[in-house]
Amino acid sequence: MTKANVLQLGLLLFLLGGLSYVTFVFYGLDVAKAGIASQSVLVVLLLIWVLSYFLRVVTGKMTFMEQRKRYRKEYQEITERELEAKFDSMSNEDKIRLIKEVEKDNNNNEETN
């Protein structure tokens, strides 16, 4: 969430509190009860927001985690494309030699594990 989003959300909540107060007064509540009712509306909204935050934490749908997954996927796709382009530009002899080297390294790794 950017700073502008935070300011917009704060302004929206401020206006929502004032609007709910005016609405409660309009529908016949006295000033004190309208203030309590509008504060109650804001507290309920705050609790819903906090519960949604905890739900995102528990399910792993946090913004950072989503960005990281998307970044890793895009990075992997770019890397694979670059490797494929380099492999395709190699001569057949170089490709065969590279494949044999990789197989040899894989065999060595399997023996040490």
PDB file of N, CA and C in Angstrom:
ATOM      1  N   MET A   1       0.855  -1.169   0.000  1.00  0.00           N
ATOM      2  CA  MET A   1       0.000   0.000   0.000  1.00  0.00           C
ATOM      3  C   MET A   1       0.907   1.240   0.000  1.00  0.00           C
ATOM      4  N   THR A   2       0.622   2.144  -0.893  1.00  0.00           N
ATOM      5  CA  THR A   2       1.442   3.345  -1.007  1.00  0.00           C
ATOM      6  C   THR A   2       0.980   4.397  -0.003  1.00  0.00           C
ATOM      7  N   LYS A   3       1.792   5.444   0.144  1.00  0.00           N
ATOM      8  CA  LYS A   3       1.417   6.534   1.047  1.00  0.00           C
ATOM      9  C   LYS A   3       0.129   7.198   0.591  1.00  0.00           C
ATOM     10  N   ALA A   4      -0.030   7.339  -0.713  1.00  0.00           N
ATOM     11  CA  ALA A   4      -1.256   7.955  -1.245  1.00  0.00           C
ATOM     12  C   ALA A   4      -2.472   7.104  -0.897  1.00  0.00           C
ATOM     13  N   ASN A   5      -2.324   5.771  -0.980  1.00  0.00           N
ATOM     14  CA  ASN A   5      -3.432   4.890  -0.613  1.00  0.00           C
ATOM     15  C   ASN A   5      -3.786   5.021   0.858  1.00  0.00           C
ATOM     16  N   VAL A   6      -2.771   5.146   1.705  1.00  0.00           N
ATOM     17  CA  VAL A   6      -3.016   5.300   3.140  1.00  0.00           C
ATOM     18  C   VAL A   6      -3.758   6.607   3.411  1.00  0.00           C
ATOM     19  N   LEU A   7      -3.329   7.687   2.756  1.00  0.00           N
ATOM     20  CA  LEU A   7      -4.012   8.967   2.935  1.00  0.00           C
ATOM     21  C   LEU A   7      -5.453   8.902   2.417  1.00  0.00           C
ATOM     22  N   GLN A   8      -5.655   8.266   1.282  1.00  0.00           N
ATOM     23  CA  GLN A   8      -7.006   8.124   0.741  1.00  0.00           C
ATOM     24  C   GLN A   8      -7.886   7.304   1.677  1.00  0.00           C
ATOM     25  N   LEU A   9      -7.341   6.222   2.210  1.00  0.00           N
ATOM     26  CA  LEU A   9      -8.097   5.388   3.135  1.00  0.00           C
ATOM     27  C   LEU A   9      -8.438   6.153   4.411  1.00  0.00           C
ATOM     28  N   GLY A  10      -7.476   6.916   4.926  1.00  0.00           N
ATOM     29  CA  GLY A  10      -7.729   7.724   6.118  1.00  0.00           C
ATOM     30  C   GLY A  10      -8.807   8.759   5.885  1.00  0.00           C
ATOM     31  N   LEU A  11      -8.749   9.420   4.747  1.00  0.00           N
ATOM     32  CA  LEU A  11      -9.770  10.411   4.403  1.00  0.00           C
ATOM     33  C   LEU A  11     -11.132   9.746   4.241  1.00  0.00           C
ATOM     34  N   LEU A  12     -11.155   8.584   3.607  1.00  0.00           N
ATOM     35  CA  LEU A  12     -12.408   7.851   3.432  1.00  0.00           C
ATOM     36  C   LEU A  12     -13.016   7.475   4.777  1.00  0.00           C
ATOM     37  N   LEU A  13     -12.187   6.982   5.687  1.00  0.00           N
ATOM     38  CA  LEU A  13     -12.700   6.622   7.016  1.00  0.00           C
ATOM     39  C   LEU A  13     -13.188   7.846   7.780  1.00  0.00           C
ATOM     40  N   PHE A  14     -12.475   8.956   7.662  1.00  0.00           N
ATOM     41  CA  PHE A  14     -12.890  10.206   8.298  1.00  0.00           C
ATOM     42  C   PHE A  14     -14.260  10.635   7.761  1.00  0.00           C
ATOM     43  N   LEU A  15     -14.416  10.598   6.447  1.00  0.00           N
ATOM     44  CA  LEU A  15     -15.689  10.976   5.837  1.00  0.00           C
ATOM     45  C   LEU A  15     -16.793   9.988   6.182  1.00  0.00           C
ATOM     46  N   LEU A  16     -16.468   8.704   6.260  1.00  0.00           N
ATOM     47  CA  LEU A  16     -17.445   7.693   6.627  1.00  0.00           C
ATOM     48  C   LEU A  16     -17.945   7.918   8.055  1.00  0.00           C
ATOM     49  N   GLY A  17     -17.032   8.261   8.956  1.00  0.00           N
ATOM     50  CA  GLY A  17     -17.437   8.554  10.334  1.00  0.00           C
ATOM     51  C   GLY A  17     -18.371   9.761  10.398  1.00  0.00           C
ATOM     52  N   GLY A  18     -18.009  10.824   9.681  1.00  0.00           N
ATOM     53  CA  GLY A  18     -18.867  12.013   9.661  1.00  0.00           C
ATOM     54  C   GLY A  18     -20.203  11.741   9.011  1.00  0.00           C
ATOM     55  N   LEU A  19     -20.191  10.996   7.912  1.00  0.00           N
ATOM     56  CA  LEU A  19     -21.430  10.669   7.211  1.00  0.00           C
ATOM     57  C   LEU A  19     -22.344   9.811   8.077  1.00  0.00           C
ATOM     58  N   SER A  20     -21.769   8.835   8.768  1.00  0.00           N
ATOM     59  CA  SER A  20     -22.605   7.995   9.637  1.00  0.00           C
ATOM     60  C   SER A  20     -23.172   8.816  10.796  1.00  0.00           C
ATOM     61  N   TYR A  21     -22.392   9.757  11.323  1.00  0.00           N
ATOM     62  CA  TYR A  21     -22.890  10.624  12.403  1.00  0.00           C
ATOM     63  C   TYR A  21     -24.075  11.460  11.907  1.00  0.00           C
ATOM     64  N   VAL A  22     -23.907  12.092  10.743  1.00  0.00           N
ATOM     65  CA  VAL A  22     -24.979  12.921  10.186  1.00  0.00           C
ATOM     66  C   VAL A  22     -26.212  12.069   9.885  1.00  0.00           C
ATOM     67  N   THR A  23     -25.999  10.865   9.387  1.00  0.00           N
ATOM     68  CA  THR A  23     -27.112   9.968   9.072  1.00  0.00           C
ATOM     69  C   THR A  23     -27.870   9.583  10.335  1.00  0.00           C
ATOM     70  N   PHE A  24     -27.145   9.258  11.396  1.00  0.00           N
ATOM     71  CA  PHE A  24     -27.812   8.888  12.652  1.00  0.00           C
ATOM     72  C   PHE A  24     -28.578  10.064  13.232  1.00  0.00           C
ATOM     73  N   VAL A  25     -28.023  11.244  13.158  1.00  0.00           N
ATOM     74  CA  VAL A  25     -28.730  12.438  13.648  1.00  0.00           C
ATOM     75  C   VAL A  25     -29.967  12.685  12.790  1.00  0.00           C
ATOM     76  N   PHE A  26     -29.835  12.522  11.491  1.00  0.00           N
ATOM     77  CA  PHE A  26     -30.955  12.733  10.576  1.00  0.00           C
ATOM     78  C   PHE A  26     -32.111  11.787  10.885  1.00  0.00           C
ATOM     79  N   TYR A  27     -31.801  10.551  11.248  1.00  0.00           N
ATOM     80  CA  TYR A  27     -32.845   9.572  11.538  1.00  0.00           C
ATOM     81  C   TYR A  27     -33.341   9.625  12.982  1.00  0.00           C
ATOM     82  N   GLY A  28     -32.999  10.677  13.724  1.00  0.00           N
ATOM     83  CA  GLY A  28     -33.641  10.920  14.999  1.00  0.00           C
ATOM     84  C   GLY A  28     -32.849  10.619  16.250  1.00  0.00           C
ATOM     85  N   LEU A  29     -31.627  10.143  16.142  1.00  0.00           N
ATOM     86  CA  LEU A  29     -30.837   9.924  17.356  1.00  0.00           C
ATOM     87  C   LEU A  29     -30.341  11.271  17.874  1.00  0.00           C
ATOM     88  N   ASP A  30     -30.278  11.383  19.202  1.00  0.00           N
ATOM     89  CA  ASP A  30     -29.710  12.637  19.725  1.00  0.00           C
ATOM     90  C   ASP A  30     -28.206  12.649  19.476  1.00  0.00           C
ATOM     91  N   VAL A  31     -27.582  13.784  19.697  1.00  0.00           N
ATOM     92  CA  VAL A  31     -26.173  13.992  19.328  1.00  0.00           C
ATOM     93  C   VAL A  31     -25.255  12.981  20.008  1.00  0.00           C
ATOM     94  N   ALA A  32     -25.457  12.718  21.291  1.00  0.00           N
ATOM     95  CA  ALA A  32     -24.579  11.794  22.023  1.00  0.00           C
ATOM     96  C   ALA A  32     -24.710  10.375  21.490  1.00  0.00           C
ATOM     97  N   LYS A  33     -25.955   9.917  21.286  1.00  0.00           N
ATOM     98  CA  LYS A  33     -26.157   8.556  20.783  1.00  0.00           C
ATOM     99  C   LYS A  33     -25.661   8.413  19.341  1.00  0.00           C
ATOM    100  N   ALA A  34     -25.811   9.471  18.538  1.00  0.00           N
ATOM    101  CA  ALA A  34     -25.319   9.429  17.160  1.00  0.00           C
ATOM    102  C   ALA A  34     -23.793   9.324  17.159  1.00  0.00           C
ATOM    103  N   GLY A  35     -23.129  10.019  18.070  1.00  0.00           N
ATOM    104  CA  GLY A  35     -21.667   9.929  18.177  1.00  0.00           C
ATOM    105  C   GLY A  35     -21.227   8.536  18.565  1.00  0.00           C
ATOM    106  N   ILE A  36     -21.913   7.947  19.537  1.00  0.00           N
ATOM    107  CA  ILE A  36     -21.581   6.582  19.959  1.00  0.00           C
ATOM    108  C   ILE A  36     -21.834   5.600  18.820  1.00  0.00           C
ATOM    109  N   ALA A  37     -22.940   5.765  18.122  1.00  0.00           N
ATOM    110  CA  ALA A  37     -23.273   4.859  17.024  1.00  0.00           C
ATOM    111  C   ALA A  37     -22.246   4.978  15.891  1.00  0.00           C
ATOM    112  N   SER A  38     -21.846   6.191  15.537  1.00  0.00           N
ATOM    113  CA  SER A  38     -20.867   6.348  14.454  1.00  0.00           C
ATOM    114  C   SER A  38     -19.502   5.799  14.864  1.00  0.00           C
ATOM    115  N   GLN A  39     -19.148   5.960  16.128  1.00  0.00           N
ATOM    116  CA  GLN A  39     -17.894   5.366  16.610  1.00  0.00           C
ATOM    117  C   GLN A  39     -17.974   3.846  16.578  1.00  0.00           C
ATOM    118  N   SER A  40     -19.132   3.313  16.891  1.00  0.00           N
ATOM    119  CA  SER A  40     -19.321   1.858  16.853  1.00  0.00           C
ATOM    120  C   SER A  40     -19.150   1.329  15.429  1.00  0.00           C
ATOM    121  N   VAL A  41     -19.684   2.078  14.455  1.00  0.00           N
ATOM    122  CA  VAL A  41     -19.521   1.676  13.058  1.00  0.00           C
ATOM    123  C   VAL A  41     -18.043   1.624  12.705  1.00  0.00           C
ATOM    124  N   LEU A  42     -17.283   2.632  13.100  1.00  0.00           N
ATOM    125  CA  LEU A  42     -15.856   2.668  12.781  1.00  0.00           C
ATOM    126  C   LEU A  42     -15.089   1.551  13.507  1.00  0.00           C
ATOM    127  N   VAL A  43     -15.471   1.251  14.740  1.00  0.00           N
ATOM    128  CA  VAL A  43     -14.806   0.165  15.485  1.00  0.00           C
ATOM    129  C   VAL A  43     -15.086  -1.176  14.823  1.00  0.00           C
ATOM    130  N   VAL A  44     -16.322  -1.393  14.378  1.00  0.00           N
ATOM    131  CA  VAL A  44     -16.651  -2.649  13.691  1.00  0.00           C
ATOM    132  C   VAL A  44     -15.845  -2.767  12.400  1.00  0.00           C
ATOM    133  N   LEU A  45     -15.739  -1.682  11.633  1.00  0.00           N
ATOM    134  CA  LEU A  45     -14.935  -1.707  10.415  1.00  0.00           C
ATOM    135  C   LEU A  45     -13.467  -1.997  10.722  1.00  0.00           C
ATOM    136  N   LEU A  46     -12.947  -1.420  11.794  1.00  0.00           N
ATOM    137  CA  LEU A  46     -11.568  -1.674  12.195  1.00  0.00           C
ATOM    138  C   LEU A  46     -11.365  -3.139  12.558  1.00  0.00           C
ATOM    139  N   LEU A  47     -12.304  -3.720  13.286  1.00  0.00           N
ATOM    140  CA  LEU A  47     -12.195  -5.137  13.648  1.00  0.00           C
ATOM    141  C   LEU A  47     -12.251  -6.031  12.419  1.00  0.00           C
ATOM    142  N   ILE A  48     -13.115  -5.695  11.472  1.00  0.00           N
ATOM    143  CA  ILE A  48     -13.181  -6.471  10.227  1.00  0.00           C
ATOM    144  C   ILE A  48     -11.853  -6.390   9.490  1.00  0.00           C
ATOM    145  N   TRP A  49     -11.264  -5.183   9.453  1.00  0.00           N
ATOM    146  CA  TRP A  49      -9.982  -5.023   8.767  1.00  0.00           C
ATOM    147  C   TRP A  49      -8.885  -5.841   9.444  1.00  0.00           C
ATOM    148  N   VAL A  50      -8.841  -5.819  10.779  1.00  0.00           N
ATOM    149  CA  VAL A  50      -7.824  -6.576  11.518  1.00  0.00           C
ATOM    150  C   VAL A  50      -8.015  -8.073  11.291  1.00  0.00           C
ATOM    151  N   LEU A  51      -9.257  -8.538  11.313  1.00  0.00           N
ATOM    152  CA  LEU A  51      -9.513  -9.959  11.073  1.00  0.00           C
ATOM    153  C   LEU A  51      -9.126 -10.350   9.652  1.00  0.00           C
ATOM    154  N   SER A  52      -9.371  -9.470   8.688  1.00  0.00           N
ATOM    155  CA  SER A  52      -8.965  -9.786   7.312  1.00  0.00           C
ATOM    156  C   SER A  52      -7.441  -9.844   7.206  1.00  0.00           C
ATOM    157  N   TYR A  53      -6.746  -9.000   7.962  1.00  0.00           N
ATOM    158  CA  TYR A  53      -5.286  -9.038   7.983  1.00  0.00           C
ATOM    159  C   TYR A  53      -4.798 -10.385   8.515  1.00  0.00           C
ATOM    160  N   PHE A  54      -5.365 -10.819   9.634  1.00  0.00           N
ATOM    161  CA  PHE A  54      -4.959 -12.111  10.192  1.00  0.00           C
ATOM    162  C   PHE A  54      -5.285 -13.252   9.248  1.00  0.00           C
ATOM    163  N   LEU A  55      -6.408 -13.161   8.553  1.00  0.00           N
ATOM    164  CA  LEU A  55      -6.756 -14.186   7.577  1.00  0.00           C
ATOM    165  C   LEU A  55      -5.726 -14.229   6.454  1.00  0.00           C
ATOM    166  N   ARG A  56      -5.271 -13.065   5.978  1.00  0.00           N
ATOM    167  CA  ARG A  56      -4.244 -13.033   4.932  1.00  0.00           C
ATOM    168  C   ARG A  56      -2.930 -13.616   5.445  1.00  0.00           C
ATOM    169  N   VAL A  57      -2.618 -13.369   6.714  1.00  0.00           N
ATOM    170  CA  VAL A  57      -1.386 -13.911   7.289  1.00  0.00           C
ATOM    171  C   VAL A  57      -1.464 -15.436   7.344  1.00  0.00           C
ATOM    172  N   VAL A  58      -2.573 -15.947   7.827  1.00  0.00           N
ATOM    173  CA  VAL A  58      -2.730 -17.390   7.995  1.00  0.00           C
ATOM    174  C   VAL A  58      -2.736 -18.105   6.644  1.00  0.00           C
ATOM    175  N   THR A  59      -3.381 -17.525   5.644  1.00  0.00           N
ATOM    176  CA  THR A  59      -3.473 -18.173   4.338  1.00  0.00           C
ATOM    177  C   THR A  59      -2.267 -17.895   3.453  1.00  0.00           C
ATOM    178  N   GLY A  60      -1.354 -17.014   3.876  1.00  0.00           N
ATOM    179  CA  GLY A  60      -0.156 -16.717   3.088  1.00  0.00           C
ATOM    180  C   GLY A  60      -0.423 -15.804   1.909  1.00  0.00           C
ATOM    181  N   LYS A  61      -1.454 -15.015   1.962  1.00  0.00           N
ATOM    182  CA  LYS A  61      -1.814 -14.122   0.856  1.00  0.00           C
ATOM    183  C   LYS A  61      -1.341 -12.689   1.125  1.00  0.00           C
ATOM    184  N   MET A  62      -0.222 -12.573   1.810  1.00  0.00           N
ATOM    185  CA  MET A  62       0.318 -11.245   2.110  1.00  0.00           C
ATOM    186  C   MET A  62       0.868 -10.618   0.835  1.00  0.00           C
ATOM    187  N   THR A  63       0.843  -9.324   0.772  1.00  0.00           N
ATOM    188  CA  THR A  63       1.286  -8.608  -0.416  1.00  0.00           C
ATOM    189  C   THR A  63       2.742  -8.933  -0.746  1.00  0.00           C
ATOM    190  N   PHE A  64       3.627  -8.911   0.234  1.00  0.00           N
ATOM    191  CA  PHE A  64       5.044  -9.189  -0.005  1.00  0.00           C
ATOM    192  C   PHE A  64       5.236 -10.591  -0.550  1.00  0.00           C
ATOM    193  N   MET A  65       4.529 -11.547   0.038  1.00  0.00           N
ATOM    194  CA  MET A  65       4.675 -12.931  -0.402  1.00  0.00           C
ATOM    195  C   MET A  65       4.184 -13.096  -1.840  1.00  0.00           C
ATOM    196  N   GLU A  66       3.096 -12.438  -2.176  1.00  0.00           N
ATOM    197  CA  GLU A  66       2.580 -12.508  -3.546  1.00  0.00           C
ATOM    198  C   GLU A  66       3.566 -11.868  -4.525  1.00  0.00           C
ATOM    199  N   GLN A  67       4.129 -10.728  -4.149  1.00  0.00           N
ATOM    200  CA  GLN A  67       5.114 -10.064  -5.006  1.00  0.00           C
ATOM    201  C   GLN A  67       6.339 -10.949  -5.196  1.00  0.00           C
ATOM    202  N   ARG A  68       6.771 -11.592  -4.131  1.00  0.00           N
ATOM    203  CA  ARG A  68       7.953 -12.446  -4.206  1.00  0.00           C
ATOM    204  C   ARG A  68       7.711 -13.645  -5.121  1.00  0.00           C
ATOM    205  N   LYS A  69       6.532 -14.256  -5.001  1.00  0.00           N
ATOM    206  CA  LYS A  69       6.198 -15.385  -5.874  1.00  0.00           C
ATOM    207  C   LYS A  69       6.174 -14.941  -7.329  1.00  0.00           C
ATOM    208  N   ARG A  70       5.557 -13.790  -7.586  1.00  0.00           N
ATOM    209  CA  ARG A  70       5.474 -13.287  -8.956  1.00  0.00           C
ATOM    210  C   ARG A  70       6.861 -12.963  -9.489  1.00  0.00           C
ATOM    211  N   TYR A  71       7.716 -12.357  -8.666  1.00  0.00           N
ATOM    212  CA  TYR A  71       9.076 -12.019  -9.079  1.00  0.00           C
ATOM    213  C   TYR A  71       9.870 -13.273  -9.406  1.00  0.00           C
ATOM    214  N   ARG A  72       9.783 -14.270  -8.532  1.00  0.00           N
ATOM    215  CA  ARG A  72      10.541 -15.511  -8.756  1.00  0.00           C
ATOM    216  C   ARG A  72      10.089 -16.204 -10.034  1.00  0.00           C
ATOM    217  N   LYS A  73       8.776 -16.209 -10.287  1.00  0.00           N
ATOM    218  CA  LYS A  73       8.258 -16.844 -11.499  1.00  0.00           C
ATOM    219  C   LYS A  73       8.765 -16.108 -12.741  1.00  0.00           C
ATOM    220  N   GLU A  74       8.687 -14.783 -12.739  1.00  0.00           N
ATOM    221  CA  GLU A  74       9.154 -14.009 -13.888  1.00  0.00           C
ATOM    222  C   GLU A  74      10.666 -14.161 -14.081  1.00  0.00           C
ATOM    223  N   TYR A  75      11.418 -14.158 -12.973  1.00  0.00           N
ATOM    224  CA  TYR A  75      12.870 -14.327 -13.052  1.00  0.00           C
ATOM    225  C   TYR A  75      13.220 -15.685 -13.647  1.00  0.00           C
ATOM    226  N   GLN A  76      12.513 -16.704 -13.217  1.00  0.00           N
ATOM    227  CA  GLN A  76      12.775 -18.052 -13.720  1.00  0.00           C
ATOM    228  C   GLN A  76      12.457 -18.137 -15.213  1.00  0.00           C
ATOM    229  N   GLU A  77      11.353 -17.524 -15.644  1.00  0.00           N
ATOM    230  CA  GLU A  77      10.997 -17.544 -17.064  1.00  0.00           C
ATOM    231  C   GLU A  77      12.049 -16.830 -17.911  1.00  0.00           C
ATOM    232  N   ILE A  78      12.516 -15.675 -17.443  1.00  0.00           N
ATOM    233  CA  ILE A  78      13.536 -14.922 -18.179  1.00  0.00           C
ATOM    234  C   ILE A  78      14.826 -15.721 -18.255  1.00  0.00           C
ATOM    235  N   THR A  79      15.228 -16.311 -17.146  1.00  0.00           N
ATOM    236  CA  THR A  79      16.459 -17.103 -17.105  1.00  0.00           C
ATOM    237  C   THR A  79      16.374 -18.290 -18.049  1.00  0.00           C
ATOM    238  N   GLU A  80      15.238 -18.975 -18.045  1.00  0.00           N
ATOM    239  CA  GLU A  80      15.075 -20.121 -18.940  1.00  0.00           C
ATOM    240  C   GLU A  80      15.140 -19.702 -20.404  1.00  0.00           C
ATOM    241  N   ARG A  81      14.509 -18.578 -20.730  1.00  0.00           N
ATOM    242  CA  ARG A  81      14.559 -18.094 -22.120  1.00  0.00           C
ATOM    243  C   ARG A  81      15.993 -17.770 -22.536  1.00  0.00           C
ATOM    244  N   GLU A  82      16.733 -17.107 -21.642  1.00  0.00           N
ATOM    245  CA  GLU A  82      18.122 -16.752 -21.965  1.00  0.00           C
ATOM    246  C   GLU A  82      18.983 -17.997 -22.133  1.00  0.00           C
ATOM    247  N   LEU A  83      18.802 -18.970 -21.243  1.00  0.00           N
ATOM    248  CA  LEU A  83      19.580 -20.207 -21.353  1.00  0.00           C
ATOM    249  C   LEU A  83      19.232 -20.966 -22.632  1.00  0.00           C
ATOM    250  N   GLU A  84      17.952 -21.005 -22.979  1.00  0.00           N
ATOM    251  CA  GLU A  84      17.554 -21.677 -24.207  1.00  0.00           C
ATOM    252  C   GLU A  84      18.139 -20.976 -25.425  1.00  0.00           C
ATOM    253  N   ALA A  85      18.145 -19.635 -25.402  1.00  0.00           N
ATOM    254  CA  ALA A  85      18.710 -18.887 -26.532  1.00  0.00           C
ATOM    255  C   ALA A  85      20.206 -19.160 -26.664  1.00  0.00           C
ATOM    256  N   LYS A  86      20.914 -19.191 -25.534  1.00  0.00           N
ATOM    257  CA  LYS A  86      22.354 -19.488 -25.581  1.00  0.00           C
ATOM    258  C   LYS A  86      22.597 -20.914 -26.065  1.00  0.00           C
ATOM    259  N   PHE A  87      21.781 -21.845 -25.571  1.00  0.00           N
ATOM    260  CA  PHE A  87      21.952 -23.245 -25.986  1.00  0.00           C
ATOM    261  C   PHE A  87      21.671 -23.402 -27.477  1.00  0.00           C
ATOM    262  N   ASP A  88      20.626 -22.742 -27.967  1.00  0.00           N
ATOM    263  CA  ASP A  88      20.283 -22.832 -29.394  1.00  0.00           C
ATOM    264  C   ASP A  88      21.363 -22.217 -30.286  1.00  0.00           C
ATOM    265  N   SER A  89      22.078 -21.226 -29.769  1.00  0.00           N
ATOM    266  CA  SER A  89      23.112 -20.571 -30.584  1.00  0.00           C
ATOM    267  C   SER A  89      24.424 -21.366 -30.614  1.00  0.00           C
ATOM    268  N   MET A  90      24.520 -22.405 -29.785  1.00  0.00           N
ATOM    269  CA  MET A  90      25.747 -23.208 -29.755  1.00  0.00           C
ATOM    270  C   MET A  90      25.784 -24.165 -30.949  1.00  0.00           C
ATOM    271  N   SER A  91      26.991 -24.553 -31.317  1.00  0.00           N
ATOM    272  CA  SER A  91      27.140 -25.557 -32.372  1.00  0.00           C
ATOM    273  C   SER A  91      26.759 -26.926 -31.808  1.00  0.00           C
ATOM    274  N   ASN A  92      26.497 -27.871 -32.710  1.00  0.00           N
ATOM    275  CA  ASN A  92      26.094 -29.209 -32.264  1.00  0.00           C
ATOM    276  C   ASN A  92      27.171 -29.876 -31.417  1.00  0.00           C
ATOM    277  N   GLU A  93      28.442 -29.675 -31.791  1.00  0.00           N
ATOM    278  CA  GLU A  93      29.537 -30.272 -31.010  1.00  0.00           C
ATOM    279  C   GLU A  93      29.569 -29.696 -29.596  1.00  0.00           C
ATOM    280  N   ASP A  94      29.373 -28.378 -29.495  1.00  0.00           N
ATOM    281  CA  ASP A  94      29.357 -27.748 -28.166  1.00  0.00           C
ATOM    282  C   ASP A  94      28.171 -28.237 -27.340  1.00  0.00           C
ATOM    283  N   LYS A  95      27.029 -28.428 -27.993  1.00  0.00           N
ATOM    284  CA  LYS A  95      25.841 -28.929 -27.281  1.00  0.00           C
ATOM    285  C   LYS A  95      26.098 -30.325 -26.726  1.00  0.00           C
ATOM    286  N   ILE A  96      26.694 -31.178 -27.559  1.00  0.00           N
ATOM    287  CA  ILE A  96      26.978 -32.550 -27.121  1.00  0.00           C
ATOM    288  C   ILE A  96      27.969 -32.555 -25.963  1.00  0.00           C
ATOM    289  N   ARG A  97      29.016 -31.728 -26.074  1.00  0.00           N
ATOM    290  CA  ARG A  97      30.016 -31.648 -25.018  1.00  0.00           C
ATOM    291  C   ARG A  97      29.380 -31.130 -23.713  1.00  0.00           C
ATOM    292  N   LEU A  98      28.505 -30.129 -23.820  1.00  0.00           N
ATOM    293  CA  LEU A  98      27.834 -29.582 -22.636  1.00  0.00           C
ATOM    294  C   LEU A  98      26.929 -30.620 -21.990  1.00  0.00           C
ATOM    295  N   ILE A  99      26.190 -31.348 -22.799  1.00  0.00           N
ATOM    296  CA  ILE A  99      25.306 -32.380 -22.266  1.00  0.00           C
ATOM    297  C   ILE A  99      26.102 -33.462 -21.555  1.00  0.00           C
ATOM    298  N   LYS A 100      27.219 -33.861 -22.137  1.00  0.00           N
ATOM    299  CA  LYS A 100      28.066 -34.871 -21.485  1.00  0.00           C
ATOM    300  C   LYS A 100      28.629 -34.349 -20.171  1.00  0.00           C
ATOM    301  N   GLU A 101      29.012 -33.076 -20.149  1.00  0.00           N
ATOM    302  CA  GLU A 101      29.533 -32.466 -18.911  1.00  0.00           C
ATOM    303  C   GLU A 101      28.477 -32.450 -17.823  1.00  0.00           C
ATOM    304  N   VAL A 102      27.264 -32.078 -18.195  1.00  0.00           N
ATOM    305  CA  VAL A 102      26.170 -32.023 -17.217  1.00  0.00           C
ATOM    306  C   VAL A 102      25.864 -33.412 -16.701  1.00  0.00           C
ATOM    307  N   GLU A 103      25.837 -34.396 -17.579  1.00  0.00           N
ATOM    308  CA  GLU A 103      25.583 -35.767 -17.149  1.00  0.00           C
ATOM    309  C   GLU A 103      26.681 -36.251 -16.218  1.00  0.00           C
ATOM    310  N   LYS A 104      27.921 -35.910 -16.538  1.00  0.00           N
ATOM    311  CA  LYS A 104      29.060 -36.304 -15.690  1.00  0.00           C
ATOM    312  C   LYS A 104      28.934 -35.660 -14.309  1.00  0.00           C
ATOM    313  N   ASP A 105      28.578 -34.360 -14.285  1.00  0.00           N
ATOM    314  CA  ASP A 105      28.400 -33.664 -12.999  1.00  0.00           C
ATOM    315  C   ASP A 105      27.255 -34.278 -12.204  1.00  0.00           C
ATOM    316  N   ASN A 106      26.169 -34.623 -12.873  1.00  0.00           N
ATOM    317  CA  ASN A 106      25.038 -35.246 -12.184  1.00  0.00           C
ATOM    318  C   ASN A 106      25.434 -36.598 -11.600  1.00  0.00           C
ATOM    319  N   ASN A 107      26.197 -37.379 -12.348  1.00  0.00           N
ATOM    320  CA  ASN A 107      26.661 -38.663 -11.847  1.00  0.00           C
ATOM    321  C   ASN A 107      27.567 -38.487 -10.636  1.00  0.00           C
ATOM    322  N   ASN A 108      28.463 -37.498 -10.685  1.00  0.00           N
ATOM    323  CA  ASN A 108      29.348 -37.227  -9.555  1.00  0.00           C
ATOM    324  C   ASN A 108      28.563 -36.788  -8.316  1.00  0.00           C
ATOM    325  N   ASN A 109      27.546 -35.989  -8.534  1.00  0.00           N
ATOM    326  CA  ASN A 109      26.727 -35.525  -7.407  1.00  0.00           C
ATOM    327  C   ASN A 109      25.938 -36.665  -6.798  1.00  0.00           C
ATOM    328  N   GLU A 110      25.442 -37.584  -7.641  1.00  0.00           N
ATOM    329  CA  GLU A 110      24.696 -38.725  -7.126  1.00  0.00           C
ATOM    330  C   GLU A 110      25.588 -39.645  -6.320  1.00  0.00           C
ATOM    331  N   GLU A 111      26.845 -39.791  -6.722  1.00  0.00           N
ATOM    332  CA  GLU A 111      27.784 -40.671  -6.014  1.00  0.00           C
ATOM    333  C   GLU A 111      28.156 -40.084  -4.658  1.00  0.00           C
ATOM    334  N   THR A 112      28.257 -38.759  -4.564  1.00  0.00           N
ATOM    335  CA  THR A 112      28.638 -38.150  -3.274  1.00  0.00           C
ATOM    336  C   THR A 112      27.479 -38.107  -2.317  1.00  0.00           C
ATOM    337  N   ASN A 113      26.253 -38.141  -2.818  1.00  0.00           N
ATOM    338  CA  ASN A 113      25.083 -38.122  -1.928  1.00  0.00           C
ATOM    339  C   ASN A 113      24.772 -39.515  -1.529  1.00  0.00           C
TER     340      ASN A 113
END
